[in-house]
Each structure stands twice: as C-alpha cells, then as structure tokens.
Protein backbone atom coordinates (compact mmCIF):
# COMPACT_ATOMS: atom_id res chain seq x y z
CA MET A 1 -26.40 -20.55 6.41
CA LEU A 2 -22.71 -19.43 5.90
CA GLN A 3 -20.79 -20.46 2.94
CA ARG A 4 -17.12 -19.28 2.83
CA SER A 5 -14.14 -20.48 0.42
CA SER A 6 -10.68 -18.88 0.41
CA SER A 7 -7.37 -18.97 -1.26
CA PRO A 8 -4.40 -17.98 0.76
CA GLY A 9 -3.44 -14.46 0.00
CA ARG A 10 -5.64 -13.88 -2.72
CA ARG A 11 -9.42 -13.90 -2.39
CA ILE A 12 -12.27 -14.69 0.41
CA GLN A 13 -15.56 -15.33 -0.50
CA SER A 14 -18.65 -15.40 1.90
CA ALA A 15 -22.19 -15.82 1.22
CA LEU A 16 -25.30 -16.07 3.31
CA ALA A 17 -28.31 -18.39 2.34
CA PRO A 18 -31.45 -16.74 1.18
CA GLY A 19 -33.72 -15.90 4.08
CA THR A 20 -30.70 -15.39 6.81
CA PRO A 21 -32.56 -13.15 9.47
CA LEU A 22 -31.26 -9.40 9.35
CA ASP A 23 -29.60 -9.72 12.82
CA ALA A 24 -27.52 -12.65 11.63
CA GLN A 25 -26.66 -10.66 8.40
CA GLN A 26 -25.40 -7.59 10.63
CA ALA A 27 -23.33 -9.88 12.55
CA PHE A 28 -21.87 -11.50 9.40
CA VAL A 29 -21.01 -8.15 8.08
CA ARG A 30 -19.08 -7.03 11.28
CA ALA A 31 -17.23 -10.46 11.57
CA ASN A 32 -16.12 -10.20 7.86
CA THR A 33 -14.85 -6.55 7.87
CA PHE A 34 -11.21 -6.29 7.68
CA SER A 35 -8.33 -3.73 7.21
CA TYR A 36 -4.72 -3.82 6.25
CA ASP A 37 -1.96 -2.13 8.44
CA PRO A 38 -0.64 1.05 6.79
CA PRO A 39 2.70 1.16 5.42
CA ILE A 40 5.57 2.29 7.66
CA ILE A 41 8.61 4.04 6.38
CA ASP A 42 11.92 3.61 8.39
CA ALA A 43 14.20 5.41 5.97
CA ILE A 44 14.51 7.20 2.75
CA VAL A 45 17.96 6.62 1.19
CA SER A 46 19.08 9.12 -0.03
CA ASN A 47 17.76 11.41 2.59
CA THR A 48 19.08 14.42 0.96
CA PRO A 49 18.27 14.08 -2.72
CA ASP A 50 20.37 15.82 -5.37
CA ALA A 51 18.72 18.82 -6.99
CA ARG A 52 19.55 17.11 -10.51
CA GLY A 53 17.26 14.24 -9.70
CA GLU A 54 18.41 10.65 -8.67
CA SER A 55 17.19 7.35 -7.62
CA ILE A 56 15.39 7.02 -4.12
CA GLU A 57 14.96 3.98 -2.01
CA ILE A 58 12.32 3.62 0.65
CA ARG A 59 12.65 1.16 3.23
CA GLY A 60 10.16 0.14 5.64
CA ILE A 61 7.38 -2.47 6.14
CA ASN A 62 3.80 -3.33 5.01
CA PHE A 63 4.37 -2.39 1.26
CA GLY A 64 2.43 -5.49 0.19
CA GLN A 65 3.37 -9.37 0.23
CA THR A 66 2.95 -9.35 -3.64
CA GLU A 67 3.83 -6.96 -6.19
CA THR A 68 1.56 -3.97 -5.69
CA PRO A 69 0.84 -0.78 -7.53
CA VAL A 70 2.76 2.25 -5.79
CA SER A 71 2.57 5.98 -6.26
CA ILE A 72 5.45 7.91 -4.43
CA PHE A 73 5.36 11.74 -4.41
CA VAL A 74 8.52 13.86 -3.22
CA GLY A 75 7.52 17.58 -3.00
CA GLY A 76 4.21 17.10 -4.63
CA ARG A 77 5.82 15.83 -7.71
CA GLU A 78 5.31 12.27 -8.86
CA CYS A 79 8.49 10.14 -8.38
CA MET A 80 9.05 8.62 -11.83
CA ASN A 81 9.19 4.70 -12.44
CA ALA A 82 7.97 4.12 -8.80
CA GLU A 83 8.62 0.15 -8.20
CA TRP A 84 7.50 -2.37 -5.69
CA GLN A 85 10.77 -4.49 -4.57
CA ASN A 86 9.03 -6.26 -1.74
CA ASP A 87 7.22 -6.00 1.44
CA ARG A 88 10.08 -3.77 2.91
CA ARG A 89 11.75 -1.92 -0.16
CA LEU A 90 10.26 0.40 -2.86
CA ARG A 91 12.23 2.32 -5.57
CA CYS A 92 11.82 5.49 -7.65
CA TYR A 93 13.54 8.12 -9.40
CA ALA A 94 13.06 11.95 -8.22
CA GLU A 95 13.36 14.24 -10.86
CA GLU A 96 15.02 17.52 -10.94
CA ASP A 97 13.58 19.99 -8.30
CA PHE A 98 14.91 22.86 -6.07
CA VAL A 99 16.99 22.13 -3.01
CA GLY A 100 15.34 22.14 0.30
CA PRO A 101 12.75 20.04 2.43
CA LYS A 102 10.32 18.36 0.77
CA ASN A 103 6.92 16.44 1.80
CA PHE A 104 7.04 12.74 1.08
CA THR A 105 3.79 11.07 0.02
CA LEU A 106 3.43 7.03 -0.40
CA MET A 107 0.26 5.20 -1.76
CA VAL A 108 0.41 1.59 -1.70
CA ALA A 109 -1.86 -0.77 -3.48
CA ASN A 110 -3.94 2.42 -4.58
C-alpha cells in the first residue's frame, strides 16, 4: 500500500495506493509529518554595531546544512548582503542607523 523513496538530505516521496482505507491514510499523514528545529542564535559579532554601518556575523546552530536563503533584519531594517556560510554562521552588512538597542530578526530557508 505504501511506496516510499528518498535521497538523503534532499527529498522524500511517499505515496498511497488507490483505494487505501481512510484510517490508513490518516495514520500515513501523521507518520509522515515533520518539522525542522528552529535556528538558535548564540552570538552576534559585533554586538554593538557602529552607527556608520558594519559587517555583522551571526553565530549559532540550525542555519541549514546546505546553502539556504537568509533574511536578517536589524532594528526593522534589512541587513544587506545576508549570506549563509554554514550551519553555524551567517554574515550580513548592517547599514547606517541611529545608535541604540535594536531588535534582531532572522529568517532561514524562507
């Protein structure tokens, strides 16, 4: 009734044969639902950005095992040239802004 194929780290395909009873279909969906751990930020270097703008490095985990689209916002403004470097490091360039505490938003694989 169930056919499954996968390629490591890339794609999972599953299919039910036509005529599979509804309770088996529901069990199939529950068994094949998954999610990813959210990114965790350990450090932002420099953690006191210059008002003239500067390069920022974000250190943590769960940024993605392969190159992943990244969006980074500092104080509600998009950080330019956001770049995935590896599962534990991201970089971007914060543009000029007023000095003071800022909220930091990170979106990975968005």
